[in-house]
Amino acid sequence: MTPPDVPAQYEKARAKLDAARKNLGMGLVDDSISRAYYAMYHAAMALLATKGERPRTHRGVMTRFHLHFVKAGLFPANLADAFARAKDFREYADYETGSWLDEAEAARLIEEAGRFLDAAREAFRAYIERRMALPDFANARSIRNAIDRIKLRHANRIYSGGGTVTK
């Protein structure tokens, strides 16, 4: 498996956010909370791909995201906290019965997910600007080369660990 295509991951995040809003409109509170979390998750995965990262667990996504973006000052800490809260809420909504989570809480989480995606888009824009400022930047080709290097590093990690690399 190769690292995700960054724009496709971000589009998936947008689709999850839309699904969260629709689920809430239908009164499906638990499902809306789950989709809001996954919107944040896919946005975080898109950003981590710019660092050559493809964590295998949800905890790994949270840890690597915090390290590469929050500690580095590239992403607002309050939205990273919302991501962690969304993970806890999603687990409760998905696995527990008699949820204390209500429509107001789900609506707040969906709004935070929207702000998270907006901040992720801004962080990606800043990444592109940093790439463009490099001395040997060659427009979109430089970005494609960077993504190809990420894919090759990931394939090497899988292969060296005894895994199978597919297209």
Foldseek 3Di string as FASTA:
>chain_A
DFQDDLVVLLVQLVVLLVVLVVCLVVVNLLSSLLSLLSSLLSLLSSVVLLVLDDDDDPVVSLVVSCVPDVVVPLFPPVLSVLSVVSVVSNCCSVPHPPDPDGSVNSVVSSVSSVVSSVSSVVSVVVVVVVLVPDPPRDPVVSVVVSSVVSRVVVQVVQVVVVHDDDD
